[in-house]
Amino acid sequence: MEIAGIRVALEQLRNAVVVVYSIIVMATIVPGFATVSNLLILPYFLFVPGYFVALILRNTNTLLETVFYTIAWSMAVLLSAYSLQTIIPGSQNLPIKLVVPALTIFLLVYVHFHRPSRGA
């Protein structure tokens, strides 16, 4: 009973951190916030979107699988966003620093509302 409460609290904390981190990444397209270091943004693109795709596809049995699929899906999301940006005319005005965090927040919401039941 108590462990389930801790798990829920940790998931809520994770979701809150990801939303704030996504907003920070999105804010970097605003001229006043453009001074945010790429060292803060790079880990976001490398891990966060893929983590939620891996959760949706349930490729998270072990820590090693979780890390592998997180990085692989993050690269797939990033490359897909980049290729769509180069293929679709006029989409160059929509920066990747806005598209990927928005997609990540969407994936977070999906995971939050469609997570498997963990026992009553």
PDB file of N, CA and C in Angstrom:
ATOM      1  N   MET A   1       0.823  -1.187   0.000  1.00  0.00           N
ATOM      2  CA  MET A   1       0.000   0.000   0.000  1.00  0.00           C
ATOM      3  C   MET A   1       0.866   1.248   0.000  1.00  0.00           C
ATOM      4  N   GLU A   2       1.830   1.288   0.893  1.00  0.00           N
ATOM      5  CA  GLU A   2       2.685   2.456   1.009  1.00  0.00           C
ATOM      6  C   GLU A   2       3.627   2.568  -0.189  1.00  0.00           C
ATOM      7  N   ILE A   3       4.091   1.448  -0.710  1.00  0.00           N
ATOM      8  CA  ILE A   3       4.982   1.453  -1.860  1.00  0.00           C
ATOM      9  C   ILE A   3       4.256   1.977  -3.098  1.00  0.00           C
ATOM     10  N   ALA A   4       2.993   1.621  -3.257  1.00  0.00           N
ATOM     11  CA  ALA A   4       2.220   2.126  -4.391  1.00  0.00           C
ATOM     12  C   ALA A   4       2.075   3.638  -4.319  1.00  0.00           C
ATOM     13  N   GLY A   5       1.907   4.173  -3.129  1.00  0.00           N
ATOM     14  CA  GLY A   5       1.816   5.623  -2.955  1.00  0.00           C
ATOM     15  C   GLY A   5       3.117   6.314  -3.305  1.00  0.00           C
ATOM     16  N   ILE A   6       4.228   5.705  -2.933  1.00  0.00           N
ATOM     17  CA  ILE A   6       5.537   6.259  -3.272  1.00  0.00           C
ATOM     18  C   ILE A   6       5.751   6.215  -4.774  1.00  0.00           C
ATOM     19  N   ARG A   7       5.338   5.124  -5.411  1.00  0.00           N
ATOM     20  CA  ARG A   7       5.487   4.995  -6.855  1.00  0.00           C
ATOM     21  C   ARG A   7       4.692   6.084  -7.581  1.00  0.00           C
ATOM     22  N   VAL A   8       3.469   6.327  -7.133  1.00  0.00           N
ATOM     23  CA  VAL A   8       2.636   7.364  -7.743  1.00  0.00           C
ATOM     24  C   VAL A   8       3.270   8.736  -7.547  1.00  0.00           C
ATOM     25  N   ALA A   9       3.794   8.989  -6.351  1.00  0.00           N
ATOM     26  CA  ALA A   9       4.439  10.271  -6.072  1.00  0.00           C
ATOM     27  C   ALA A   9       5.672  10.463  -6.951  1.00  0.00           C
ATOM     28  N   LEU A  10       6.453   9.398  -7.146  1.00  0.00           N
ATOM     29  CA  LEU A  10       7.635   9.490  -8.007  1.00  0.00           C
ATOM     30  C   LEU A  10       7.248   9.734  -9.464  1.00  0.00           C
ATOM     31  N   GLU A  11       6.167   9.093  -9.926  1.00  0.00           N
ATOM     32  CA  GLU A  11       5.702   9.332 -11.290  1.00  0.00           C
ATOM     33  C   GLU A  11       5.234  10.767 -11.468  1.00  0.00           C
ATOM     34  N   GLN A  12       4.554  11.302 -10.465  1.00  0.00           N
ATOM     35  CA  GLN A  12       4.103  12.686 -10.540  1.00  0.00           C
ATOM     36  C   GLN A  12       5.290  13.645 -10.535  1.00  0.00           C
ATOM     37  N   LEU A  13       6.298  13.354  -9.736  1.00  0.00           N
ATOM     38  CA  LEU A  13       7.505  14.169  -9.713  1.00  0.00           C
ATOM     39  C   LEU A  13       8.214  14.105 -11.066  1.00  0.00           C
ATOM     40  N   ARG A  14       8.329  12.888 -11.626  1.00  0.00           N
ATOM     41  CA  ARG A  14       8.940  12.725 -12.948  1.00  0.00           C
ATOM     42  C   ARG A  14       8.192  13.538 -13.991  1.00  0.00           C
ATOM     43  N   ASN A  15       6.870  13.457 -13.976  1.00  0.00           N
ATOM     44  CA  ASN A  15       6.069  14.196 -14.947  1.00  0.00           C
ATOM     45  C   ASN A  15       6.242  15.703 -14.792  1.00  0.00           C
ATOM     46  N   ALA A  16       6.281  16.178 -13.554  1.00  0.00           N
ATOM     47  CA  ALA A  16       6.462  17.613 -13.317  1.00  0.00           C
ATOM     48  C   ALA A  16       7.831  18.088 -13.803  1.00  0.00           C
ATOM     49  N   VAL A  17       8.870  17.298 -13.534  1.00  0.00           N
ATOM     50  CA  VAL A  17      10.218  17.660 -13.982  1.00  0.00           C
ATOM     51  C   VAL A  17      10.279  17.682 -15.505  1.00  0.00           C
ATOM     52  N   VAL A  18       9.668  16.702 -16.153  1.00  0.00           N
ATOM     53  CA  VAL A  18       9.693  16.643 -17.617  1.00  0.00           C
ATOM     54  C   VAL A  18       8.931  17.823 -18.222  1.00  0.00           C
ATOM     55  N   VAL A  19       7.807  18.199 -17.646  1.00  0.00           N
ATOM     56  CA  VAL A  19       7.050  19.342 -18.164  1.00  0.00           C
ATOM     57  C   VAL A  19       7.870  20.628 -18.022  1.00  0.00           C
ATOM     58  N   VAL A  20       8.484  20.837 -16.861  1.00  0.00           N
ATOM     59  CA  VAL A  20       9.310  22.036 -16.655  1.00  0.00           C
ATOM     60  C   VAL A  20      10.503  22.027 -17.600  1.00  0.00           C
ATOM     61  N   TYR A  21      11.163  20.881 -17.745  1.00  0.00           N
ATOM     62  CA  TYR A  21      12.308  20.749 -18.644  1.00  0.00           C
ATOM     63  C   TYR A  21      11.874  21.029 -20.090  1.00  0.00           C
ATOM     64  N   SER A  22      10.711  20.529 -20.479  1.00  0.00           N
ATOM     65  CA  SER A  22      10.201  20.776 -21.830  1.00  0.00           C
ATOM     66  C   SER A  22       9.927  22.258 -22.047  1.00  0.00           C
ATOM     67  N   ILE A  23       9.378  22.912 -21.060  1.00  0.00           N
ATOM     68  CA  ILE A  23       9.106  24.350 -21.174  1.00  0.00           C
ATOM     69  C   ILE A  23      10.408  25.133 -21.290  1.00  0.00           C
ATOM     70  N   ILE A  24      11.424  24.731 -20.547  1.00  0.00           N
ATOM     71  CA  ILE A  24      12.736  25.397 -20.650  1.00  0.00           C
ATOM     72  C   ILE A  24      13.299  25.232 -22.055  1.00  0.00           C
ATOM     73  N   VAL A  25      13.197  24.015 -22.622  1.00  0.00           N
ATOM     74  CA  VAL A  25      13.709  23.784 -23.978  1.00  0.00           C
ATOM     75  C   VAL A  25      12.917  24.612 -24.986  1.00  0.00           C
ATOM     76  N   MET A  26      11.587  24.667 -24.830  1.00  0.00           N
ATOM     77  CA  MET A  26      10.776  25.477 -25.726  1.00  0.00           C
ATOM     78  C   MET A  26      11.109  26.960 -25.590  1.00  0.00           C
ATOM     79  N   ALA A  27      11.435  27.394 -24.395  1.00  0.00           N
ATOM     80  CA  ALA A  27      11.740  28.806 -24.162  1.00  0.00           C
ATOM     81  C   ALA A  27      13.028  29.243 -24.854  1.00  0.00           C
ATOM     82  N   THR A  28      13.871  28.299 -25.222  1.00  0.00           N
ATOM     83  CA  THR A  28      15.137  28.673 -25.860  1.00  0.00           C
ATOM     84  C   THR A  28      14.942  29.245 -27.263  1.00  0.00           C
ATOM     85  N   ILE A  29      13.736  29.110 -27.829  1.00  0.00           N
ATOM     86  CA  ILE A  29      13.504  29.723 -29.137  1.00  0.00           C
ATOM     87  C   ILE A  29      13.145  31.199 -28.999  1.00  0.00           C
ATOM     88  N   VAL A  30      12.810  31.630 -27.777  1.00  0.00           N
ATOM     89  CA  VAL A  30      12.533  33.040 -27.514  1.00  0.00           C
ATOM     90  C   VAL A  30      13.881  33.758 -27.413  1.00  0.00           C
ATOM     91  N   PRO A  31      14.036  34.902 -28.088  1.00  0.00           N
ATOM     92  CA  PRO A  31      15.344  35.565 -28.114  1.00  0.00           C
ATOM     93  C   PRO A  31      15.970  35.838 -26.742  1.00  0.00           C
ATOM     94  N   GLY A  32      15.207  36.172 -25.738  1.00  0.00           N
ATOM     95  CA  GLY A  32      15.778  36.454 -24.424  1.00  0.00           C
ATOM     96  C   GLY A  32      16.340  35.228 -23.723  1.00  0.00           C
ATOM     97  N   PHE A  33      15.833  34.042 -24.053  1.00  0.00           N
ATOM     98  CA  PHE A  33      16.272  32.808 -23.407  1.00  0.00           C
ATOM     99  C   PHE A  33      17.249  32.023 -24.265  1.00  0.00           C
ATOM    100  N   ALA A  34      17.672  32.583 -25.354  1.00  0.00           N
ATOM    101  CA  ALA A  34      18.559  31.867 -26.273  1.00  0.00           C
ATOM    102  C   ALA A  34      19.932  31.609 -25.679  1.00  0.00           C
ATOM    103  N   THR A  35      20.235  32.210 -24.542  1.00  0.00           N
ATOM    104  CA  THR A  35      21.548  32.022 -23.933  1.00  0.00           C
ATOM    105  C   THR A  35      21.648  30.737 -23.116  1.00  0.00           C
ATOM    106  N   VAL A  36      20.578  29.946 -23.055  1.00  0.00           N
ATOM    107  CA  VAL A  36      20.625  28.680 -22.331  1.00  0.00           C
ATOM    108  C   VAL A  36      21.615  27.753 -23.037  1.00  0.00           C
ATOM    109  N   SER A  37      22.477  27.141 -22.271  1.00  0.00           N
ATOM    110  CA  SER A  37      23.541  26.312 -22.823  1.00  0.00           C
ATOM    111  C   SER A  37      22.991  25.076 -23.531  1.00  0.00           C
ATOM    112  N   ASN A  38      23.654  24.701 -24.595  1.00  0.00           N
ATOM    113  CA  ASN A  38      23.291  23.473 -25.296  1.00  0.00           C
ATOM    114  C   ASN A  38      23.583  22.237 -24.448  1.00  0.00           C
ATOM    115  N   LEU A  39      24.431  22.372 -23.444  1.00  0.00           N
ATOM    116  CA  LEU A  39      24.697  21.256 -22.534  1.00  0.00           C
ATOM    117  C   LEU A  39      23.459  20.912 -21.718  1.00  0.00           C
ATOM    118  N   LEU A  40      22.531  21.846 -21.587  1.00  0.00           N
ATOM    119  CA  LEU A  40      21.274  21.581 -20.903  1.00  0.00           C
ATOM    120  C   LEU A  40      20.240  21.000 -21.868  1.00  0.00           C
ATOM    121  N   ILE A  41      20.315  21.392 -23.115  1.00  0.00           N
ATOM    122  CA  ILE A  41      19.324  20.976 -24.111  1.00  0.00           C
ATOM    123  C   ILE A  41      19.645  19.613 -24.712  1.00  0.00           C
ATOM    124  N   LEU A  42      20.901  19.311 -24.925  1.00  0.00           N
ATOM    125  CA  LEU A  42      21.304  18.055 -25.565  1.00  0.00           C
ATOM    126  C   LEU A  42      20.810  16.813 -24.821  1.00  0.00           C
ATOM    127  N   PRO A  43      20.951  16.721 -23.497  1.00  0.00           N
ATOM    128  CA  PRO A  43      20.420  15.531 -22.811  1.00  0.00           C
ATOM    129  C   PRO A  43      18.915  15.381 -22.967  1.00  0.00           C
ATOM    130  N   TYR A  44      18.220  16.498 -23.084  1.00  0.00           N
ATOM    131  CA  TYR A  44      16.775  16.437 -23.284  1.00  0.00           C
ATOM    132  C   TYR A  44      16.467  15.684 -24.570  1.00  0.00           C
ATOM    133  N   PHE A  45      17.084  16.099 -25.663  1.00  0.00           N
ATOM    134  CA  PHE A  45      16.822  15.471 -26.951  1.00  0.00           C
ATOM    135  C   PHE A  45      17.327  14.033 -27.006  1.00  0.00           C
ATOM    136  N   LEU A  46      18.347  13.721 -26.224  1.00  0.00           N
ATOM    137  CA  LEU A  46      18.922  12.385 -26.243  1.00  0.00           C
ATOM    138  C   LEU A  46      18.114  11.366 -25.457  1.00  0.00           C
ATOM    139  N   PHE A  47      17.406  11.804 -24.403  1.00  0.00           N
ATOM    140  CA  PHE A  47      16.762  10.848 -23.517  1.00  0.00           C
ATOM    141  C   PHE A  47      15.253  11.000 -23.358  1.00  0.00           C
ATOM    142  N   VAL A  48      14.763  12.206 -23.211  1.00  0.00           N
ATOM    143  CA  VAL A  48      13.384  12.393 -22.733  1.00  0.00           C
ATOM    144  C   VAL A  48      12.325  11.892 -23.713  1.00  0.00           C
ATOM    145  N   PRO A  49      12.320  12.289 -24.993  1.00  0.00           N
ATOM    146  CA  PRO A  49      11.231  11.807 -25.860  1.00  0.00           C
ATOM    147  C   PRO A  49      11.225  10.285 -26.007  1.00  0.00           C
ATOM    148  N   GLY A  50      12.392   9.695 -26.142  1.00  0.00           N
ATOM    149  CA  GLY A  50      12.491   8.254 -26.315  1.00  0.00           C
ATOM    150  C   GLY A  50      12.071   7.472 -25.097  1.00  0.00           C
ATOM    151  N   TYR A  51      12.258   8.055 -23.921  1.00  0.00           N
ATOM    152  CA  TYR A  51      11.856   7.379 -22.694  1.00  0.00           C
ATOM    153  C   TYR A  51      10.351   7.141 -22.681  1.00  0.00           C
ATOM    154  N   PHE A  52       9.591   8.133 -23.103  1.00  0.00           N
ATOM    155  CA  PHE A  52       8.143   7.979 -23.087  1.00  0.00           C
ATOM    156  C   PHE A  52       7.650   7.078 -24.207  1.00  0.00           C
ATOM    157  N   VAL A  53       8.353   7.071 -25.343  1.00  0.00           N
ATOM    158  CA  VAL A  53       8.002   6.106 -26.397  1.00  0.00           C
ATOM    159  C   VAL A  53       8.274   4.697 -25.895  1.00  0.00           C
ATOM    160  N   ALA A  54       9.403   4.503 -25.222  1.00  0.00           N
ATOM    161  CA  ALA A  54       9.723   3.181 -24.665  1.00  0.00           C
ATOM    162  C   ALA A  54       8.696   2.759 -23.619  1.00  0.00           C
ATOM    163  N   LEU A  55       8.203   3.712 -22.827  1.00  0.00           N
ATOM    164  CA  LEU A  55       7.161   3.372 -21.858  1.00  0.00           C
ATOM    165  C   LEU A  55       5.868   2.961 -22.552  1.00  0.00           C
ATOM    166  N   ILE A  56       5.523   3.656 -23.625  1.00  0.00           N
ATOM    167  CA  ILE A  56       4.308   3.310 -24.364  1.00  0.00           C
ATOM    168  C   ILE A  56       4.428   1.918 -24.963  1.00  0.00           C
ATOM    169  N   LEU A  57       5.589   1.617 -25.533  1.00  0.00           N
ATOM    170  CA  LEU A  57       5.796   0.310 -26.171  1.00  0.00           C
ATOM    171  C   LEU A  57       6.208  -0.762 -25.174  1.00  0.00           C
ATOM    172  N   ARG A  58       6.377  -0.371 -23.938  1.00  0.00           N
ATOM    173  CA  ARG A  58       6.740  -1.275 -22.833  1.00  0.00           C
ATOM    174  C   ARG A  58       8.042  -2.024 -23.093  1.00  0.00           C
ATOM    175  N   ASN A  59       9.043  -1.287 -23.586  1.00  0.00           N
ATOM    176  CA  ASN A  59      10.374  -1.845 -23.797  1.00  0.00           C
ATOM    177  C   ASN A  59      11.272  -1.511 -22.611  1.00  0.00           C
ATOM    178  N   THR A  60      10.774  -1.670 -21.412  1.00  0.00           N
ATOM    179  CA  THR A  60      11.525  -1.245 -20.235  1.00  0.00           C
ATOM    180  C   THR A  60      11.635  -2.365 -19.207  1.00  0.00           C
ATOM    181  N   ASN A  61      12.018  -3.551 -19.638  1.00  0.00           N
ATOM    182  CA  ASN A  61      12.116  -4.680 -18.716  1.00  0.00           C
ATOM    183  C   ASN A  61      13.324  -4.560 -17.800  1.00  0.00           C
ATOM    184  N   THR A  62      14.486  -4.226 -18.362  1.00  0.00           N
ATOM    185  CA  THR A  62      15.692  -4.062 -17.556  1.00  0.00           C
ATOM    186  C   THR A  62      16.227  -2.652 -17.759  1.00  0.00           C
ATOM    187  N   LEU A  63      17.152  -2.261 -16.916  1.00  0.00           N
ATOM    188  CA  LEU A  63      17.739  -0.925 -17.023  1.00  0.00           C
ATOM    189  C   LEU A  63      18.492  -0.763 -18.343  1.00  0.00           C
ATOM    190  N   LEU A  64      19.227  -1.793 -18.755  1.00  0.00           N
ATOM    191  CA  LEU A  64      19.981  -1.718 -20.005  1.00  0.00           C
ATOM    192  C   LEU A  64      19.046  -1.573 -21.213  1.00  0.00           C
ATOM    193  N   GLU A  65      17.960  -2.331 -21.226  1.00  0.00           N
ATOM    194  CA  GLU A  65      16.975  -2.203 -22.308  1.00  0.00           C
ATOM    195  C   GLU A  65      16.340  -0.818 -22.299  1.00  0.00           C
ATOM    196  N   THR A  66      16.038  -0.312 -21.121  1.00  0.00           N
ATOM    197  CA  THR A  66      15.432   1.011 -21.008  1.00  0.00           C
ATOM    198  C   THR A  66      16.356   2.073 -21.588  1.00  0.00           C
ATOM    199  N   VAL A  67      17.623   2.036 -21.238  1.00  0.00           N
ATOM    200  CA  VAL A  67      18.581   3.020 -21.752  1.00  0.00           C
ATOM    201  C   VAL A  67      18.730   2.879 -23.262  1.00  0.00           C
ATOM    202  N   PHE A  68      18.868   1.655 -23.743  1.00  0.00           N
ATOM    203  CA  PHE A  68      19.023   1.434 -25.182  1.00  0.00           C
ATOM    204  C   PHE A  68      17.824   1.957 -25.964  1.00  0.00           C
ATOM    205  N   TYR A  69      16.626   1.540 -25.565  1.00  0.00           N
ATOM    206  CA  TYR A  69      15.428   1.954 -26.285  1.00  0.00           C
ATOM    207  C   TYR A  69      15.153   3.450 -26.122  1.00  0.00           C
ATOM    208  N   THR A  70      15.503   4.001 -24.981  1.00  0.00           N
ATOM    209  CA  THR A  70      15.329   5.441 -24.776  1.00  0.00           C
ATOM    210  C   THR A  70      16.157   6.226 -25.776  1.00  0.00           C
ATOM    211  N   ILE A  71      17.427   5.869 -25.912  1.00  0.00           N
ATOM    212  CA  ILE A  71      18.307   6.581 -26.848  1.00  0.00           C
ATOM    213  C   ILE A  71      17.879   6.314 -28.285  1.00  0.00           C
ATOM    214  N   ALA A  72      17.549   5.063 -28.600  1.00  0.00           N
ATOM    215  CA  ALA A  72      17.145   4.727 -29.968  1.00  0.00           C
ATOM    216  C   ALA A  72      15.872   5.469 -30.377  1.00  0.00           C
ATOM    217  N   TRP A  73      14.863   5.466 -29.514  1.00  0.00           N
ATOM    218  CA  TRP A  73      13.614   6.156 -29.848  1.00  0.00           C
ATOM    219  C   TRP A  73      13.789   7.665 -29.853  1.00  0.00           C
ATOM    220  N   SER A  74      14.647   8.187 -29.005  1.00  0.00           N
ATOM    221  CA  SER A  74      14.907   9.627 -29.027  1.00  0.00           C
ATOM    222  C   SER A  74      15.530  10.041 -30.353  1.00  0.00           C
ATOM    223  N   MET A  75      16.476   9.251 -30.835  1.00  0.00           N
ATOM    224  CA  MET A  75      17.086   9.559 -32.132  1.00  0.00           C
ATOM    225  C   MET A  75      16.055   9.445 -33.248  1.00  0.00           C
ATOM    226  N   ALA A  76      15.173   8.457 -33.154  1.00  0.00           N
ATOM    227  CA  ALA A  76      14.132   8.297 -34.174  1.00  0.00           C
ATOM    228  C   ALA A  76      13.181   9.495 -34.176  1.00  0.00           C
ATOM    229  N   VAL A  77      12.786   9.954 -33.002  1.00  0.00           N
ATOM    230  CA  VAL A  77      11.891  11.113 -32.911  1.00  0.00           C
ATOM    231  C   VAL A  77      12.580  12.361 -33.460  1.00  0.00           C
ATOM    232  N   LEU A  78      13.824  12.571 -33.070  1.00  0.00           N
ATOM    233  CA  LEU A  78      14.562  13.749 -33.512  1.00  0.00           C
ATOM    234  C   LEU A  78      14.797  13.730 -35.018  1.00  0.00           C
ATOM    235  N   LEU A  79      15.210  12.591 -35.545  1.00  0.00           N
ATOM    236  CA  LEU A  79      15.437  12.498 -36.988  1.00  0.00           C
ATOM    237  C   LEU A  79      14.139  12.600 -37.779  1.00  0.00           C
ATOM    238  N   SER A  80      13.057  12.080 -37.239  1.00  0.00           N
ATOM    239  CA  SER A  80      11.759  12.213 -37.909  1.00  0.00           C
ATOM    240  C   SER A  80      11.319  13.670 -37.967  1.00  0.00           C
ATOM    241  N   ALA A  81      11.483  14.371 -36.862  1.00  0.00           N
ATOM    242  CA  ALA A  81      11.121  15.794 -36.837  1.00  0.00           C
ATOM    243  C   ALA A  81      11.985  16.584 -37.805  1.00  0.00           C
ATOM    244  N   TYR A  82      13.276  16.268 -37.851  1.00  0.00           N
ATOM    245  CA  TYR A  82      14.176  16.967 -38.770  1.00  0.00           C
ATOM    246  C   TYR A  82      13.828  16.666 -40.216  1.00  0.00           C
ATOM    247  N   SER A  83      13.554  15.404 -40.531  1.00  0.00           N
ATOM    248  CA  SER A  83      13.244  15.054 -41.923  1.00  0.00           C
ATOM    249  C   SER A  83      11.919  15.671 -42.360  1.00  0.00           C
ATOM    250  N   LEU A  84      10.928  15.702 -41.478  1.00  0.00           N
ATOM    251  CA  LEU A  84       9.669  16.356 -41.823  1.00  0.00           C
ATOM    252  C   LEU A  84       9.874  17.852 -42.041  1.00  0.00           C
ATOM    253  N   GLN A  85      10.768  18.432 -41.263  1.00  0.00           N
ATOM    254  CA  GLN A  85      11.050  19.856 -41.400  1.00  0.00           C
ATOM    255  C   GLN A  85      11.710  20.156 -42.746  1.00  0.00           C
ATOM    256  N   THR A  86      12.513  19.242 -43.248  1.00  0.00           N
ATOM    257  CA  THR A  86      13.187  19.481 -44.521  1.00  0.00           C
ATOM    258  C   THR A  86      12.329  19.083 -45.717  1.00  0.00           C
ATOM    259  N   ILE A  87      11.395  18.169 -45.534  1.00  0.00           N
ATOM    260  CA  ILE A  87      10.572  17.690 -46.651  1.00  0.00           C
ATOM    261  C   ILE A  87       9.366  18.584 -46.901  1.00  0.00           C
ATOM    262  N   ILE A  88       8.669  18.971 -45.853  1.00  0.00           N
ATOM    263  CA  ILE A  88       7.426  19.723 -46.005  1.00  0.00           C
ATOM    264  C   ILE A  88       7.749  21.200 -46.241  1.00  0.00           C
ATOM    265  N   PRO A  89       7.279  21.758 -47.339  1.00  0.00           N
ATOM    266  CA  PRO A  89       7.562  23.173 -47.623  1.00  0.00           C
ATOM    267  C   PRO A  89       6.928  24.084 -46.567  1.00  0.00           C
ATOM    268  N   GLY A  90       7.679  25.078 -46.143  1.00  0.00           N
ATOM    269  CA  GLY A  90       7.181  26.046 -45.180  1.00  0.00           C
ATOM    270  C   GLY A  90       7.290  25.623 -43.736  1.00  0.00           C
ATOM    271  N   SER A  91       7.691  24.398 -43.474  1.00  0.00           N
ATOM    272  CA  SER A  91       7.764  23.940 -42.086  1.00  0.00           C
ATOM    273  C   SER A  91       9.090  24.323 -41.418  1.00  0.00           C
ATOM    274  N   GLN A  92       9.959  25.003 -42.137  1.00  0.00           N
ATOM    275  CA  GLN A  92      11.216  25.456 -41.535  1.00  0.00           C
ATOM    276  C   GLN A  92      10.955  26.497 -40.453  1.00  0.00           C
ATOM    277  N   ASN A  93       9.792  27.139 -40.503  1.00  0.00           N
ATOM    278  CA  ASN A  93       9.445  28.141 -39.500  1.00  0.00           C
ATOM    279  C   ASN A  93       9.065  27.512 -38.164  1.00  0.00           C
ATOM    280  N   LEU A  94       8.831  26.216 -38.149  1.00  0.00           N
ATOM    281  CA  LEU A  94       8.471  25.507 -36.926  1.00  0.00           C
ATOM    282  C   LEU A  94       9.730  24.822 -36.385  1.00  0.00           C
ATOM    283  N   PRO A  95      10.360  25.399 -35.362  1.00  0.00           N
ATOM    284  CA  PRO A  95      11.642  24.867 -34.890  1.00  0.00           C
ATOM    285  C   PRO A  95      11.505  23.531 -34.169  1.00  0.00           C
ATOM    286  N   ILE A  96      12.540  22.730 -34.282  1.00  0.00           N
ATOM    287  CA  ILE A  96      12.586  21.432 -33.619  1.00  0.00           C
ATOM    288  C   ILE A  96      12.526  21.602 -32.103  1.00  0.00           C
ATOM    289  N   LYS A  97      13.065  22.706 -31.600  1.00  0.00           N
ATOM    290  CA  LYS A  97      13.036  22.961 -30.155  1.00  0.00           C
ATOM    291  C   LYS A  97      11.625  23.246 -29.657  1.00  0.00           C
ATOM    292  N   LEU A  98      10.682  23.375 -30.549  1.00  0.00           N
ATOM    293  CA  LEU A  98       9.281  23.522 -30.160  1.00  0.00           C
ATOM    294  C   LEU A  98       8.503  22.238 -30.428  1.00  0.00           C
ATOM    295  N   VAL A  99       8.791  21.595 -31.552  1.00  0.00           N
ATOM    296  CA  VAL A  99       8.046  20.409 -31.968  1.00  0.00           C
ATOM    297  C   VAL A  99       8.323  19.218 -31.050  1.00  0.00           C
ATOM    298  N   VAL A 100       9.581  18.929 -30.790  1.00  0.00           N
ATOM    299  CA  VAL A 100       9.933  17.748 -29.999  1.00  0.00           C
ATOM    300  C   VAL A 100       9.451  17.866 -28.547  1.00  0.00           C
ATOM    301  N   PRO A 101       9.639  19.013 -27.861  1.00  0.00           N
ATOM    302  CA  PRO A 101       9.080  19.096 -26.505  1.00  0.00           C
ATOM    303  C   PRO A 101       7.552  19.018 -26.472  1.00  0.00           C
ATOM    304  N   ALA A 102       6.887  19.590 -27.464  1.00  0.00           N
ATOM    305  CA  ALA A 102       5.422  19.491 -27.503  1.00  0.00           C
ATOM    306  C   ALA A 102       5.001  18.033 -27.687  1.00  0.00           C
ATOM    307  N   LEU A 103       5.684  17.309 -28.562  1.00  0.00           N
ATOM    308  CA  LEU A 103       5.407  15.890 -28.757  1.00  0.00           C
ATOM    309  C   LEU A 103       5.707  15.102 -27.473  1.00  0.00           C
ATOM    310  N   THR A 104       6.766  15.473 -26.793  1.00  0.00           N
ATOM    311  CA  THR A 104       7.131  14.798 -25.550  1.00  0.00           C
ATOM    312  C   THR A 104       6.057  14.992 -24.480  1.00  0.00           C
ATOM    313  N   ILE A 105       5.535  16.202 -24.375  1.00  0.00           N
ATOM    314  CA  ILE A 105       4.464  16.451 -23.403  1.00  0.00           C
ATOM    315  C   ILE A 105       3.224  15.641 -23.778  1.00  0.00           C
ATOM    316  N   PHE A 106       2.933  15.547 -25.067  1.00  0.00           N
ATOM    317  CA  PHE A 106       1.814  14.717 -25.514  1.00  0.00           C
ATOM    318  C   PHE A 106       2.034  13.259 -25.123  1.00  0.00           C
ATOM    319  N   LEU A 107       3.247  12.746 -25.335  1.00  0.00           N
ATOM    320  CA  LEU A 107       3.559  11.365 -24.964  1.00  0.00           C
ATOM    321  C   LEU A 107       3.463  11.170 -23.456  1.00  0.00           C
ATOM    322  N   LEU A 108       3.906  12.153 -22.688  1.00  0.00           N
ATOM    323  CA  LEU A 108       3.809  12.083 -21.234  1.00  0.00           C
ATOM    324  C   LEU A 108       2.353  11.971 -20.800  1.00  0.00           C
ATOM    325  N   VAL A 109       1.501  12.784 -21.388  1.00  0.00           N
ATOM    326  CA  VAL A 109       0.077  12.742 -21.045  1.00  0.00           C
ATOM    327  C   VAL A 109      -0.511  11.384 -21.417  1.00  0.00           C
ATOM    328  N   TYR A 110      -0.125  10.862 -22.574  1.00  0.00           N
ATOM    329  CA  TYR A 110      -0.619   9.555 -22.997  1.00  0.00           C
ATOM    330  C   TYR A 110      -0.191   8.467 -22.005  1.00  0.00           C
ATOM    331  N   VAL A 111       1.089   8.482 -21.618  1.00  0.00           N
ATOM    332  CA  VAL A 111       1.587   7.493 -20.663  1.00  0.00           C
ATOM    333  C   VAL A 111       0.866   7.645 -19.323  1.00  0.00           C
ATOM    334  N   HIS A 112       0.633   8.867 -18.914  1.00  0.00           N
ATOM    335  CA  HIS A 112      -0.005   9.107 -17.621  1.00  0.00           C
ATOM    336  C   HIS A 112      -1.431   8.531 -17.584  1.00  0.00           C
ATOM    337  N   PHE A 113      -2.165   8.726 -18.658  1.00  0.00           N
ATOM    338  CA  PHE A 113      -3.563   8.279 -18.654  1.00  0.00           C
ATOM    339  C   PHE A 113      -3.766   6.859 -19.154  1.00  0.00           C
ATOM    340  N   HIS A 114      -2.759   6.269 -19.753  1.00  0.00           N
ATOM    341  CA  HIS A 114      -2.892   4.904 -20.270  1.00  0.00           C
ATOM    342  C   HIS A 114      -1.886   3.943 -19.659  1.00  0.00           C
ATOM    343  N   ARG A 115      -1.361   4.273 -18.507  1.00  0.00           N
ATOM    344  CA  ARG A 115      -0.411   3.362 -17.876  1.00  0.00           C
ATOM    345  C   ARG A 115      -1.160   2.109 -17.418  1.00  0.00           C
ATOM    346  N   PRO A 116      -0.466   0.994 -17.448  1.00  0.00           N
ATOM    347  CA  PRO A 116      -1.124  -0.245 -17.025  1.00  0.00           C
ATOM    348  C   PRO A 116      -1.470  -0.178 -15.540  1.00  0.00           C
ATOM    349  N   SER A 117      -2.552  -0.847 -15.184  1.00  0.00           N
ATOM    350  CA  SER A 117      -2.947  -0.850 -13.772  1.00  0.00           C
ATOM    351  C   SER A 117      -1.911  -1.635 -12.972  1.00  0.00           C
ATOM    352  N   ARG A 118      -1.612  -1.141 -11.801  1.00  0.00           N
ATOM    353  CA  ARG A 118      -0.592  -1.761 -10.966  1.00  0.00           C
ATOM    354  C   ARG A 118      -1.211  -2.383  -9.733  1.00  0.00           C
ATOM    355  N   GLY A 119      -2.315  -2.987  -9.931  1.00  0.00           N
ATOM    356  CA  GLY A 119      -2.990  -3.574  -8.775  1.00  0.00           C
ATOM    357  C   GLY A 119      -3.780  -2.514  -8.034  1.00  0.00           C
ATOM    358  N   ALA A 120      -4.801  -2.900  -7.388  1.00  0.00           N
ATOM    359  CA  ALA A 120      -5.643  -1.918  -6.685  1.00  0.00           C
ATOM    360  C   ALA A 120      -4.994  -1.551  -5.417  1.00  0.00           C
TER     361      ALA A 120
END
